[in-house]
Amino acid sequence: MVIPVYRGEETLPQLLRELQRLTYEQQTPGGRSFRVEEVLLVWDRGPGRSDEVLRELAEEHSFVRPLWLSRNFGQHAATLAGMTSSGGDWIVTMDEDGQQDPAFIAAMVDCAYDDQAQLVYGKPTNPPPHSWFRNVASKTVKKIFAGALSEGGFAEFNSFRLVLGEVGRSVAAYTGTGVYLDVALSWVVADVTTCPVVARQEGREASNYTYSRLFSHFGRLMVSSGTKPLIFVSWLGVLFVLLGAGVSVWVLYQRIAGELVIAGWASTFISLMLIGGAVLLSLGIIAQYIGATTNMSLGKPLYVVVRDPAMTFDPRVWDEGKRSHSP
C-alpha cells in the first residue's frame, strides 16, 4: 500500500484506522485470502504538520513505514518512490484525503484474478465531489488519453490502483522525469480492468488545484505519453498546405476570369492569424518535447529519498532513533 502525503494531517489517522482492519488475513467476496502487509506513507514536503502525524502513526502502527523525500516532487513522483520501496505481491496506491474507500480493495483483488489483469483501477459509480466543469474536463482528458495517447486499453484511470508488484516496481524503477505513472503503466501492462467503487467526500476542504495547474498537468500528460502528439503537428501542417493550395487555385481562377478584387487588410490579417497561430502551436508542442528531453539528458532526478529530516535537525529525535535501533 502506497500513499503519497502532501497535507494529510487531518485525514491520515482515520484512513489508517480503516487500513488497520485489512492487515489481518481475511477473505475477498470471491473467497480469496489477502491482507495489507505494509503501508508506505511518502512525505512529499507539503505544508502543515503532516510530518509529525507520520511519526505518530509510525509509532502507533507497526505496519506503517514513512518514506521521506528531500523536497516536493509531486504526487506521481511520490507514488513512484513508494512503489520502488514496496515489497508485496500486489501494490495498492491511493490518495490521502479519504475520498477512496479501502473497503473496496478486496473487490479489486477479485477483479484482478477474475479478469487476469495486471492492473485494476477503481472506477467510481458516483460523480466525484468536484464542480461540474472540473468533472467534465476530467472525463474529456481521460477520453483523449485513452483514445489517442495511451498504448493500452486505458478507458479509465485514476490514483486508486491495484497493480501487480513486479510490474509496479519495474515501472517505478525506470520511469523518467516528467512521465506520469499511468502513462508508464500503459507502456508495459498487457491487461487492465476496472472495479466499481463508491467515491466518498474528502475528509478535509476540497483540493486546491487551480484550473491552470490542471491544464498544466494535461499538457505534461500529453508530452509524457510519447510522440503521438507530434502527429498532430504533422497533420496540422498538411491541413494548411491543402488550404493554401485551395486558396491559390481559387485566386488563379479569379485572375484568369478577370473577377479578381483587390484583397483588403481583413482577409490578410485573418490568414496571418490562422497560419501564425498554427505555427506557434506547433512550436509550443515541440518545445515541450525539447524541455522534457533536456531534463532527462541533464540527469534531473525524479525524486530523492532521505532520512527523516527531524533526525538531522532535532537531536532528540536522533537520539530516540539510535535507541530504538540499538540491540
Foldseek 3Di string as FASTA:
>chain_A
DEEEDAPQPQQQVVQVVQLVVQQDWDAFPVGDTDGQQAYEYEYQHHDDPVLVSLVVVVVVDVRYDYWYFPHHLDDQLSRLVVLLPDDDQKDWFDYSQPQFRPVCVSVQVVVCVVQVWQKEAADEPDQAPDDPVVSVVVQVLLCCCQPQQFQANPSDDDRGMMGGSVLSNVLSVPDAALAGPVLSSSVPTHGYYYGYDHTDDGSDDDDPDDPVNVVVNSLSHRLNSDCRVLVVLVVLVVVVVVVVVVVVVVQVVCVVVVNDDDDDVVVVVVVCVVVVVSVVVSVVSVVVNVVRVVCVVVVPGSTHIDPSVCLVVPVVVVVVVVVVPDD
